[in-house]
């Protein structure tokens, strides 16, 4: 088959044949270079897609973490409000205990006074 491709070159001068050979070599070289660049392009496109997917995954994870953070902040606020309510309730109860303790002491003194009176 190659003899058919080469048939058109018959009768050409050696100088022209040399130039044709140089041009064919250059074409082969350019074809190989084109293939290499195509492979590089495909590799870069694949790497780009991989990076895009990675970025998308990171965005999704960031959104998930943001929602989780918001939920935790709301939980903290809720717990802080509950703590404040419990602290207030504790202060109220301590105040009531102090009042009742004062009343108890007053009642004890009154009992002691009445017992003293009874002894007399």
N, C-alpha and C. Protein backbone atom coordinates (compact mmCIF):
# COMPACT_ATOMS: atom_id res chain seq x y z
N UNK A 1 0.83 -1.19 0.00
CA UNK A 1 0.00 0.00 0.00
C UNK A 1 0.87 1.25 0.00
N UNK A 2 2.00 1.19 0.73
CA UNK A 2 2.85 2.37 0.78
C UNK A 2 3.42 2.71 -0.59
N UNK A 3 3.58 1.69 -1.47
CA UNK A 3 4.12 1.98 -2.80
C UNK A 3 3.14 2.83 -3.60
N UNK A 4 1.81 2.71 -3.33
CA UNK A 4 0.82 3.53 -4.02
C UNK A 4 0.93 4.97 -3.54
N UNK A 5 1.13 5.12 -2.26
CA UNK A 5 1.26 6.46 -1.68
C UNK A 5 2.52 7.13 -2.22
N UNK A 6 3.56 6.36 -2.42
CA UNK A 6 4.84 6.88 -2.86
C UNK A 6 4.89 7.06 -4.39
N UNK A 7 3.95 6.46 -5.13
CA UNK A 7 3.96 6.47 -6.58
C UNK A 7 3.95 7.89 -7.15
N UNK A 8 3.23 8.80 -6.52
CA UNK A 8 3.12 10.16 -7.04
C UNK A 8 4.44 10.91 -6.98
N UNK A 9 5.39 10.38 -6.19
CA UNK A 9 6.67 11.05 -6.04
C UNK A 9 7.67 10.68 -7.15
N UNK A 10 7.32 9.67 -7.94
CA UNK A 10 8.23 9.21 -8.99
C UNK A 10 8.51 10.33 -9.99
N UNK A 11 9.72 10.44 -10.30
CA UNK A 11 10.12 11.41 -11.31
C UNK A 11 10.42 12.78 -10.75
N UNK A 12 10.29 12.96 -9.44
CA UNK A 12 10.60 14.26 -8.84
C UNK A 12 12.09 14.34 -8.57
N UNK A 13 12.59 15.55 -8.58
CA UNK A 13 14.02 15.74 -8.34
C UNK A 13 14.36 15.41 -6.89
N UNK A 14 15.64 15.01 -6.68
CA UNK A 14 16.04 14.68 -5.31
C UNK A 14 15.84 15.85 -4.33
N UNK A 15 16.03 17.04 -4.83
CA UNK A 15 15.84 18.22 -3.97
C UNK A 15 14.38 18.33 -3.53
N UNK A 16 13.45 18.13 -4.46
CA UNK A 16 12.01 18.18 -4.17
C UNK A 16 11.64 17.02 -3.25
N UNK A 17 12.20 15.83 -3.52
CA UNK A 17 11.93 14.67 -2.66
C UNK A 17 12.42 14.92 -1.23
N UNK A 18 13.59 15.55 -1.12
CA UNK A 18 14.12 15.90 0.20
C UNK A 18 13.17 16.85 0.92
N UNK A 19 12.68 17.85 0.18
CA UNK A 19 11.75 18.83 0.77
C UNK A 19 10.45 18.14 1.18
N UNK A 20 9.96 17.24 0.35
CA UNK A 20 8.74 16.49 0.68
C UNK A 20 8.97 15.66 1.92
N UNK A 21 10.12 15.01 1.98
CA UNK A 21 10.45 14.19 3.16
C UNK A 21 10.49 15.06 4.42
N UNK A 22 11.11 16.24 4.29
CA UNK A 22 11.17 17.16 5.43
C UNK A 22 9.78 17.59 5.86
N UNK A 23 8.94 17.89 4.86
CA UNK A 23 7.57 18.32 5.19
C UNK A 23 6.77 17.17 5.82
N UNK A 24 6.95 15.96 5.31
CA UNK A 24 6.25 14.81 5.89
C UNK A 24 6.73 14.57 7.32
N UNK A 25 8.04 14.72 7.54
CA UNK A 25 8.57 14.57 8.90
C UNK A 25 7.99 15.63 9.82
N UNK A 26 7.90 16.83 9.29
CA UNK A 26 7.34 17.93 10.08
C UNK A 26 5.87 17.66 10.38
N UNK A 27 5.13 17.15 9.41
CA UNK A 27 3.71 16.81 9.62
C UNK A 27 3.60 15.74 10.70
N UNK A 28 4.43 14.70 10.62
CA UNK A 28 4.41 13.64 11.64
C UNK A 28 4.72 14.20 13.03
N UNK A 29 5.73 15.06 13.05
CA UNK A 29 6.12 15.68 14.32
C UNK A 29 4.96 16.52 14.88
N UNK A 30 4.33 17.29 14.01
CA UNK A 30 3.20 18.13 14.43
C UNK A 30 2.02 17.28 14.88
N UNK A 31 1.79 16.15 14.19
CA UNK A 31 0.71 15.24 14.60
C UNK A 31 0.97 14.70 16.01
N UNK A 32 2.23 14.27 16.25
CA UNK A 32 2.58 13.76 17.57
C UNK A 32 2.43 14.85 18.63
N UNK A 33 2.89 16.04 18.28
CA UNK A 33 2.76 17.17 19.22
C UNK A 33 1.30 17.47 19.51
N UNK A 34 0.48 17.42 18.44
CA UNK A 34 -0.96 17.66 18.61
C UNK A 34 -1.57 16.59 19.53
N UNK A 35 -1.18 15.33 19.34
CA UNK A 35 -1.68 14.25 20.19
C UNK A 35 -1.27 14.47 21.64
N UNK A 36 -0.02 14.87 21.84
CA UNK A 36 0.45 15.14 23.20
C UNK A 36 -0.34 16.28 23.84
N UNK A 37 -0.54 17.32 23.06
CA UNK A 37 -1.29 18.46 23.60
C UNK A 37 -2.75 18.10 23.87
N UNK A 38 -3.31 17.26 22.99
CA UNK A 38 -4.69 16.80 23.21
C UNK A 38 -4.76 15.99 24.50
N UNK A 39 -3.76 15.12 24.69
CA UNK A 39 -3.71 14.33 25.93
C UNK A 39 -3.57 15.25 27.14
N UNK A 40 -2.68 16.26 27.03
CA UNK A 40 -2.52 17.22 28.13
C UNK A 40 -3.83 17.95 28.40
N UNK A 41 -4.50 18.36 27.34
CA UNK A 41 -5.78 19.07 27.48
C UNK A 41 -6.80 18.18 28.19
N UNK A 42 -6.89 16.93 27.76
CA UNK A 42 -7.84 16.01 28.39
C UNK A 42 -7.48 15.78 29.86
N UNK A 43 -6.18 15.66 30.13
CA UNK A 43 -5.75 15.48 31.52
C UNK A 43 -6.10 16.70 32.36
N UNK A 44 -5.86 17.88 31.79
CA UNK A 44 -6.19 19.12 32.52
C UNK A 44 -7.69 19.26 32.72
N UNK A 45 -8.47 18.89 31.71
CA UNK A 45 -9.93 18.95 31.85
C UNK A 45 -10.41 17.99 32.94
N UNK A 46 -9.80 16.80 32.98
CA UNK A 46 -10.18 15.83 34.02
C UNK A 46 -9.80 16.37 35.40
N UNK A 47 -8.61 16.98 35.51
CA UNK A 47 -8.18 17.55 36.78
C UNK A 47 -9.09 18.71 37.18
N UNK A 48 -9.49 19.51 36.19
CA UNK A 48 -10.41 20.61 36.47
C UNK A 48 -11.75 20.09 36.99
N UNK A 49 -12.28 19.05 36.35
CA UNK A 49 -13.55 18.47 36.81
C UNK A 49 -13.42 17.94 38.23
N UNK A 50 -12.28 17.31 38.49
CA UNK A 50 -12.04 16.78 39.83
C UNK A 50 -12.00 17.92 40.85
N UNK A 51 -11.33 19.01 40.50
CA UNK A 51 -11.26 20.16 41.40
C UNK A 51 -12.64 20.80 41.58
N UNK A 52 -13.40 20.88 40.50
CA UNK A 52 -14.76 21.43 40.60
C UNK A 52 -15.61 20.59 41.55
N UNK A 53 -15.48 19.26 41.41
CA UNK A 53 -16.23 18.36 42.30
C UNK A 53 -15.78 18.54 43.74
N UNK A 54 -14.48 18.69 43.92
CA UNK A 54 -13.94 18.90 45.26
C UNK A 54 -14.48 20.20 45.86
N UNK A 55 -14.50 21.26 45.05
CA UNK A 55 -15.03 22.56 45.51
C UNK A 55 -16.50 22.42 45.87
N UNK A 56 -17.25 21.72 45.04
CA UNK A 56 -18.68 21.51 45.31
C UNK A 56 -18.88 20.75 46.61
N UNK A 57 -18.07 19.70 46.81
CA UNK A 57 -18.16 18.94 48.06
C UNK A 57 -17.82 19.81 49.26
N UNK A 58 -16.80 20.66 49.12
CA UNK A 58 -16.41 21.56 50.21
C UNK A 58 -17.53 22.56 50.50
N UNK A 59 -18.18 23.06 49.44
CA UNK A 59 -19.30 23.99 49.63
C UNK A 59 -20.43 23.30 50.39
N UNK A 60 -20.73 22.06 49.98
CA UNK A 60 -21.80 21.32 50.66
C UNK A 60 -21.44 21.08 52.13
N UNK A 61 -20.19 20.71 52.37
CA UNK A 61 -19.76 20.48 53.75
C UNK A 61 -19.81 21.77 54.56
N UNK A 62 -19.41 22.87 53.94
CA UNK A 62 -19.45 24.17 54.62
C UNK A 62 -20.89 24.55 54.96
N UNK A 63 -21.80 24.30 54.04
CA UNK A 63 -23.22 24.60 54.29
C UNK A 63 -23.76 23.72 55.43
N UNK A 64 -23.37 22.45 55.43
CA UNK A 64 -23.79 21.55 56.50
C UNK A 64 -23.25 22.02 57.84
N UNK A 65 -21.97 22.38 57.86
CA UNK A 65 -21.36 22.86 59.10
C UNK A 65 -22.00 24.18 59.57
N UNK A 66 -22.36 25.02 58.61
CA UNK A 66 -23.01 26.28 58.96
C UNK A 66 -24.37 26.02 59.60
N UNK A 67 -25.12 25.08 59.02
CA UNK A 67 -26.43 24.74 59.60
C UNK A 67 -26.24 24.13 61.00
N UNK A 68 -25.26 23.26 61.12
CA UNK A 68 -24.99 22.63 62.42
C UNK A 68 -24.57 23.68 63.45
N UNK A 69 -23.75 24.62 63.00
CA UNK A 69 -23.31 25.69 63.89
C UNK A 69 -24.50 26.53 64.34
N UNK A 70 -25.38 26.85 63.41
CA UNK A 70 -26.58 27.63 63.74
C UNK A 70 -27.44 26.88 64.75
N UNK A 71 -27.61 25.58 64.52
CA UNK A 71 -28.38 24.76 65.44
C UNK A 71 -27.75 24.74 66.83
N UNK A 72 -26.43 24.62 66.88
CA UNK A 72 -25.74 24.60 68.17
C UNK A 72 -25.84 25.96 68.87
N UNK A 73 -25.77 27.03 68.08
CA UNK A 73 -25.92 28.37 68.68
C UNK A 73 -27.31 28.54 69.28
N UNK A 74 -28.33 28.05 68.56
CA UNK A 74 -29.69 28.13 69.08
C UNK A 74 -29.83 27.29 70.35
N UNK A 75 -29.22 26.12 70.35
CA UNK A 75 -29.24 25.27 71.53
C UNK A 75 -28.54 25.96 72.70
N UNK A 76 -27.40 26.59 72.44
CA UNK A 76 -26.68 27.32 73.50
C UNK A 76 -27.54 28.45 74.07
N UNK A 77 -28.19 29.19 73.16
CA UNK A 77 -29.08 30.27 73.62
C UNK A 77 -30.20 29.71 74.49
N UNK A 78 -30.77 28.59 74.06
CA UNK A 78 -31.84 27.97 74.82
C UNK A 78 -31.34 27.52 76.19
N UNK A 79 -30.17 26.90 76.21
CA UNK A 79 -29.59 26.45 77.49
C UNK A 79 -29.24 27.64 78.39
N UNK A 80 -28.77 28.72 77.78
CA UNK A 80 -28.44 29.92 78.57
C UNK A 80 -29.70 30.51 79.20
N UNK A 81 -30.78 30.55 78.42
CA UNK A 81 -32.05 31.06 78.97
C UNK A 81 -32.55 30.16 80.10
N UNK A 82 -32.43 28.84 79.90
CA UNK A 82 -32.85 27.90 80.95
C UNK A 82 -32.00 28.10 82.19
N UNK A 83 -30.70 28.30 82.02
CA UNK A 83 -29.79 28.53 83.15
C UNK A 83 -30.18 29.81 83.89
N UNK A 84 -30.48 30.86 83.14
CA UNK A 84 -30.89 32.12 83.77
C UNK A 84 -32.18 31.93 84.56
N UNK A 85 -33.13 31.18 83.99
CA UNK A 85 -34.40 30.94 84.69
C UNK A 85 -34.16 30.14 85.97
N UNK A 86 -33.33 29.09 85.86
CA UNK A 86 -33.04 28.27 87.04
C UNK A 86 -32.32 29.10 88.09
N UNK A 87 -31.39 29.94 87.65
CA UNK A 87 -30.66 30.81 88.58
C UNK A 87 -31.62 31.76 89.28
N UNK A 88 -32.55 32.32 88.53
CA UNK A 88 -33.54 33.22 89.14
C UNK A 88 -34.41 32.46 90.13
N UNK A 89 -34.88 31.27 89.71
CA UNK A 89 -35.70 30.45 90.61
C UNK A 89 -34.94 30.12 91.88
N UNK A 90 -33.65 29.82 91.75
CA UNK A 90 -32.83 29.51 92.92
C UNK A 90 -32.73 30.72 93.85
N UNK A 91 -32.54 31.90 93.28
CA UNK A 91 -32.48 33.11 94.10
C UNK A 91 -33.80 33.34 94.83
N UNK A 92 -34.90 33.12 94.12
CA UNK A 92 -36.22 33.28 94.75
C UNK A 92 -36.37 32.31 95.91
N UNK A 93 -35.98 31.04 95.69
CA UNK A 93 -36.12 30.02 96.73
C UNK A 93 -35.18 30.30 97.90
N UNK A 94 -33.96 30.78 97.61
CA UNK A 94 -33.03 31.14 98.70
C UNK A 94 -33.62 32.28 99.52
N UNK A 95 -34.23 33.21 98.81
CA UNK A 95 -34.86 34.34 99.51
C UNK A 95 -36.00 33.83 100.41
N UNK A 96 -36.79 32.90 99.88
CA UNK A 96 -37.89 32.33 100.67
C UNK A 96 -37.34 31.56 101.87
N UNK A 97 -36.25 30.81 101.66
CA UNK A 97 -35.63 30.06 102.76
C UNK A 97 -35.14 31.04 103.83
N UNK A 98 -34.52 32.15 103.41
CA UNK A 98 -34.03 33.14 104.37
C UNK A 98 -35.18 33.76 105.16
N UNK A 99 -36.26 34.04 104.45
CA UNK A 99 -37.44 34.60 105.14
C UNK A 99 -37.97 33.59 106.15
N UNK A 100 -38.13 32.35 105.71
CA UNK A 100 -38.65 31.31 106.62
C UNK A 100 -37.69 31.04 107.77
N UNK A 101 -36.40 31.11 107.48
CA UNK A 101 -35.41 30.93 108.55
C UNK A 101 -35.54 32.06 109.57
N UNK A 102 -35.73 33.26 109.07
CA UNK A 102 -35.94 34.40 109.98
C UNK A 102 -37.21 34.21 110.81
N UNK A 103 -38.26 33.75 110.15
CA UNK A 103 -39.52 33.50 110.86
C UNK A 103 -39.33 32.40 111.90
N UNK A 104 -38.55 31.37 111.55
CA UNK A 104 -38.28 30.27 112.48
C UNK A 104 -37.52 30.78 113.70
N UNK A 105 -36.49 31.57 113.44
CA UNK A 105 -35.74 32.14 114.56
C UNK A 105 -36.62 33.02 115.44
N UNK A 106 -37.46 33.79 114.78
CA UNK A 106 -38.37 34.66 115.53
C UNK A 106 -39.33 33.81 116.37
N UNK A 107 -39.83 32.73 115.75
CA UNK A 107 -40.75 31.84 116.48
C UNK A 107 -40.03 31.15 117.63
N UNK A 108 -38.79 30.75 117.45
CA UNK A 108 -38.01 30.12 118.52
C UNK A 108 -37.85 31.08 119.69
N UNK A 109 -37.51 32.32 119.35
CA UNK A 109 -37.35 33.31 120.42
C UNK A 109 -38.67 33.54 121.15
N UNK A 110 -39.73 33.56 120.37
CA UNK A 110 -41.06 33.74 120.99
C UNK A 110 -41.38 32.55 121.88
N UNK A 111 -41.05 31.33 121.43
CA UNK A 111 -41.29 30.13 122.26
C UNK A 111 -40.46 30.19 123.52
N UNK A 112 -39.19 30.57 123.37
CA UNK A 112 -38.32 30.68 124.55
C UNK A 112 -38.88 31.71 125.53
N UNK A 113 -39.34 32.82 124.99
CA UNK A 113 -39.90 33.86 125.86
C UNK A 113 -41.13 33.34 126.57
N UNK A 114 -41.98 32.64 125.82
CA UNK A 114 -43.20 32.10 126.44
C UNK A 114 -42.86 31.03 127.48
N UNK A 115 -41.83 30.21 127.19
CA UNK A 115 -41.42 29.18 128.16
C UNK A 115 -40.90 29.84 129.43
N UNK A 116 -40.17 30.91 129.28
CA UNK A 116 -39.66 31.66 130.43
C UNK A 116 -40.83 32.21 131.24
N UNK A 117 -41.79 32.72 130.54
CA UNK A 117 -42.96 33.27 131.24
C UNK A 117 -43.70 32.19 131.99
N UNK A 118 -43.80 31.01 131.39
CA UNK A 118 -44.50 29.92 132.03
C UNK A 118 -43.75 29.46 133.29
N UNK A 119 -42.45 29.46 133.22
CA UNK A 119 -41.66 29.06 134.38
C UNK A 119 -41.86 30.02 135.53
N UNK A 120 -42.10 31.25 135.28
CA UNK A 120 -42.27 32.23 136.34
C UNK A 120 -43.59 32.10 136.93
